[in-house]
Structures are given as C-alpha cells and as structure tokens.
C-alpha cells in the first residue's frame, strides 16, 4: 500500500508541474486563446492521467484507491499552496491585517 501512495504522490507532483508549465506557456500567448487552450489542456491532461490509471489498475497489483486518494490530497495541497503564493505576491494586493500601521 505504501508503494501505491508513493505512486499517487509522484503522479500528483508531475501533474502539478505539467499543469503549471502549461499555464505559464498559455499566459505568454495570445490572450484571446487563453480560455480555449486552458480548457483543452485540462481535458488532455485528465484523459492521459485516466489512461495511465486504468493501465496501472489492469496491469499492476497497486491499490488504485490509495493511488487516487494520494493523488487528490497531494494535488489539492499543491494547488492550494500555489494559489496562496500567487495571491499573496500579487502586485496591488492589500497588505495583510497584521502588517503593522494604525490599529
């Protein structure tokens, strides 16, 4: 079962890195195509991930529930951390409440 969790964590990290690389690539392209490319990229990544999980489920003795749960938990955590980092470093964002100043 520990191997299954490790595989799920590995998939989550790779999926997160690929999705971030695609988002950076899309952000540097024409703004008119951003929504379409983002949606298509998500669908393609999801289809590839589903195909990999189905093949692993059929051809390996991995516990697929553990793989999928580890993937969901780690990917959600990575996305939460990334969104927090982006929002907290955004230009023009209001300072945090404990940043000092008048109370």
C-alpha atoms as a PDB file:
ATOM      1  CA  UNK A   1       0.000   0.000   0.000  1.00  0.00           C
ATOM      2  CA  UNK A   2       2.921   2.357   0.663  1.00  0.00           C
ATOM      3  CA  UNK A   3       4.041   1.899  -2.944  1.00  0.00           C
ATOM      4  CA  UNK A   4       0.542   2.857  -4.094  1.00  0.00           C
ATOM      5  CA  UNK A   5       0.653   6.061  -2.052  1.00  0.00           C
ATOM      6  CA  UNK A   6       4.119   6.878  -3.414  1.00  0.00           C
ATOM      7  CA  UNK A   7       2.867   6.393  -6.971  1.00  0.00           C
ATOM      8  CA  UNK A   8      -0.101   8.682  -6.278  1.00  0.00           C
ATOM      9  CA  UNK A   9       2.173  11.349  -4.802  1.00  0.00           C
ATOM     10  CA  UNK A  10       4.500  11.082  -7.792  1.00  0.00           C
ATOM     11  CA  UNK A  11       1.625  11.452 -10.224  1.00  0.00           C
ATOM     12  CA  UNK A  12       0.321  14.476  -8.319  1.00  0.00           C
ATOM     13  CA  UNK A  13       3.696  16.240  -8.416  1.00  0.00           C
ATOM     14  CA  UNK A  14       4.232  15.527 -12.109  1.00  0.00           C
ATOM     15  CA  UNK A  15       0.651  16.527 -12.978  1.00  0.00           C
ATOM     16  CA  UNK A  16       1.008  19.758 -10.994  1.00  0.00           C
ATOM     17  CA  UNK A  17       4.314  20.648 -12.666  1.00  0.00           C
ATOM     18  CA  UNK A  18       2.889  19.957 -16.121  1.00  0.00           C
ATOM     19  CA  UNK A  19      -0.243  21.982 -15.446  1.00  0.00           C
ATOM     20  CA  UNK A  20       1.803  24.929 -14.156  1.00  0.00           C
ATOM     21  CA  UNK A  21       4.144  24.763 -17.160  1.00  0.00           C
ATOM     22  CA  UNK A  22       1.126  24.755 -19.490  1.00  0.00           C
ATOM     23  CA  UNK A  23      -0.414  27.726 -17.662  1.00  0.00           C
ATOM     24  CA  UNK A  24       2.826  29.716 -17.954  1.00  0.00           C
ATOM     25  CA  UNK A  25       3.056  28.848 -21.638  1.00  0.00           C
ATOM     26  CA  UNK A  26      -0.583  29.860 -22.197  1.00  0.00           C
ATOM     27  CA  UNK A  27      -0.122  33.111 -20.280  1.00  0.00           C
ATOM     28  CA  UNK A  28       2.622  34.169 -22.689  1.00  0.00           C
ATOM     29  CA  UNK A  29       0.468  33.555 -25.749  1.00  0.00           C
ATOM     30  CA  UNK A  30      -2.421  35.478 -27.244  1.00  0.00           C
ATOM     31  CA  UNK A  31      -4.945  36.416 -24.583  1.00  0.00           C
ATOM     32  CA  UNK A  32      -7.828  35.539 -26.891  1.00  0.00           C
ATOM     33  CA  UNK A  33      -6.816  31.875 -26.916  1.00  0.00           C
ATOM     34  CA  UNK A  34      -6.138  31.502 -23.178  1.00  0.00           C
ATOM     35  CA  UNK A  35      -9.557  30.097 -22.178  1.00  0.00           C
ATOM     36  CA  UNK A  36      -9.674  27.611 -25.054  1.00  0.00           C
ATOM     37  CA  UNK A  37      -6.108  26.369 -24.593  1.00  0.00           C
ATOM     38  CA  UNK A  38      -6.581  26.139 -20.814  1.00  0.00           C
ATOM     39  CA  UNK A  39      -9.718  24.017 -21.170  1.00  0.00           C
ATOM     40  CA  UNK A  40      -8.231  21.806 -23.872  1.00  0.00           C
ATOM     41  CA  UNK A  41      -5.038  21.357 -21.862  1.00  0.00           C
ATOM     42  CA  UNK A  42      -7.043  20.323 -18.810  1.00  0.00           C
ATOM     43  CA  UNK A  43      -9.080  17.797 -20.809  1.00  0.00           C
ATOM     44  CA  UNK A  44      -5.982  16.299 -22.457  1.00  0.00           C
ATOM     45  CA  UNK A  45      -4.077  16.048 -19.145  1.00  0.00           C
ATOM     46  CA  UNK A  46      -7.110  14.471 -17.483  1.00  0.00           C
ATOM     47  CA  UNK A  47      -7.509  11.941 -20.312  1.00  0.00           C
ATOM     48  CA  UNK A  48      -3.829  10.978 -20.166  1.00  0.00           C
ATOM     49  CA  UNK A  49      -3.997  10.621 -16.377  1.00  0.00           C
ATOM     50  CA  UNK A  50      -7.137   8.469 -16.627  1.00  0.00           C
ATOM     51  CA  UNK A  51      -5.498   6.239 -19.247  1.00  0.00           C
ATOM     52  CA  UNK A  52      -2.396   5.813 -17.079  1.00  0.00           C
ATOM     53  CA  UNK A  53      -4.501   4.974 -14.021  1.00  0.00           C
ATOM     54  CA  UNK A  54      -6.564   2.429 -15.968  1.00  0.00           C
ATOM     55  CA  UNK A  55      -3.412   0.762 -17.304  1.00  0.00           C
ATOM     56  CA  UNK A  56      -1.883   0.676 -13.818  1.00  0.00           C
ATOM     57  CA  UNK A  57      -5.084  -0.789 -12.411  1.00  0.00           C
ATOM     58  CA  UNK A  58      -5.196  -3.526 -15.013  1.00  0.00           C
ATOM     59  CA  UNK A  59      -1.524  -4.454 -15.178  1.00  0.00           C
ATOM     60  CA  UNK A  60      -0.164  -3.883 -11.654  1.00  0.00           C
ATOM     61  CA  UNK A  61      -1.181  -5.029  -8.178  1.00  0.00           C
ATOM     62  CA  UNK A  62      -1.309  -1.413  -6.909  1.00  0.00           C
ATOM     63  CA  UNK A  63      -4.181  -0.399  -4.674  1.00  0.00           C
ATOM     64  CA  UNK A  64      -5.875   2.097  -7.011  1.00  0.00           C
ATOM     65  CA  UNK A  65      -7.946   3.655  -4.225  1.00  0.00           C
ATOM     66  CA  UNK A  66      -4.726   4.552  -2.381  1.00  0.00           C
ATOM     67  CA  UNK A  67      -3.153   5.886  -5.596  1.00  0.00           C
ATOM     68  CA  UNK A  68      -6.162   8.069  -6.369  1.00  0.00           C
ATOM     69  CA  UNK A  69      -6.579   9.345  -2.798  1.00  0.00           C
ATOM     70  CA  UNK A  70      -2.892  10.222  -2.542  1.00  0.00           C
ATOM     71  CA  UNK A  71      -3.103  11.990  -5.900  1.00  0.00           C
ATOM     72  CA  UNK A  72      -6.155  14.032  -4.915  1.00  0.00           C
ATOM     73  CA  UNK A  73      -4.800  15.027  -1.498  1.00  0.00           C
ATOM     74  CA  UNK A  74      -1.315  15.998  -2.711  1.00  0.00           C
ATOM     75  CA  UNK A  75      -2.527  17.742  -5.877  1.00  0.00           C
ATOM     76  CA  UNK A  76      -5.093  19.728  -3.900  1.00  0.00           C
ATOM     77  CA  UNK A  77      -2.411  20.750  -1.407  1.00  0.00           C
ATOM     78  CA  UNK A  78      -0.015  21.788  -4.162  1.00  0.00           C
ATOM     79  CA  UNK A  79      -2.690  23.820  -5.928  1.00  0.00           C
ATOM     80  CA  UNK A  80      -3.715  25.471  -2.666  1.00  0.00           C
ATOM     81  CA  UNK A  81      -0.120  26.414  -1.912  1.00  0.00           C
ATOM     82  CA  UNK A  82       0.403  27.714  -5.467  1.00  0.00           C
ATOM     83  CA  UNK A  83      -2.762  29.805  -5.362  1.00  0.00           C
ATOM     84  CA  UNK A  84      -1.804  31.194  -1.961  1.00  0.00           C
ATOM     85  CA  UNK A  85       1.668  32.097  -3.238  1.00  0.00           C
ATOM     86  CA  UNK A  86       0.258  33.800  -6.331  1.00  0.00           C
ATOM     87  CA  UNK A  87      -2.366  35.777  -4.422  1.00  0.00           C
ATOM     88  CA  UNK A  88      -0.036  36.817  -1.606  1.00  0.00           C
ATOM     89  CA  UNK A  89       2.629  38.100  -4.043  1.00  0.00           C
ATOM     90  CA  UNK A  90       0.209  39.845  -6.360  1.00  0.00           C
ATOM     91  CA  UNK A  91       1.045  43.468  -7.143  1.00  0.00           C
ATOM     92  CA  UNK A  92      -1.544  45.860  -5.765  1.00  0.00           C
ATOM     93  CA  UNK A  93      -2.807  43.378  -3.224  1.00  0.00           C
ATOM     94  CA  UNK A  94      -3.795  44.929   0.087  1.00  0.00           C
ATOM     95  CA  UNK A  95      -1.321  44.306   2.907  1.00  0.00           C
ATOM     96  CA  UNK A  96      -2.120  41.598   5.418  1.00  0.00           C
ATOM     97  CA  UNK A  97      -4.029  42.671   8.530  1.00  0.00           C
ATOM     98  CA  UNK A  98      -1.009  42.156  10.790  1.00  0.00           C
ATOM     99  CA  UNK A  99       1.402  44.148   8.596  1.00  0.00           C
ATOM    100  CA  UNK A 100       1.622  46.954  11.141  1.00  0.00           C
ATOM    101  CA  UNK A 101       0.439  50.527  10.943  1.00  0.00           C
ATOM    102  CA  UNK A 102      -2.636  52.047  12.563  1.00  0.00           C
ATOM    103  CA  UNK A 103      -4.676  49.775  14.774  1.00  0.00           C
END
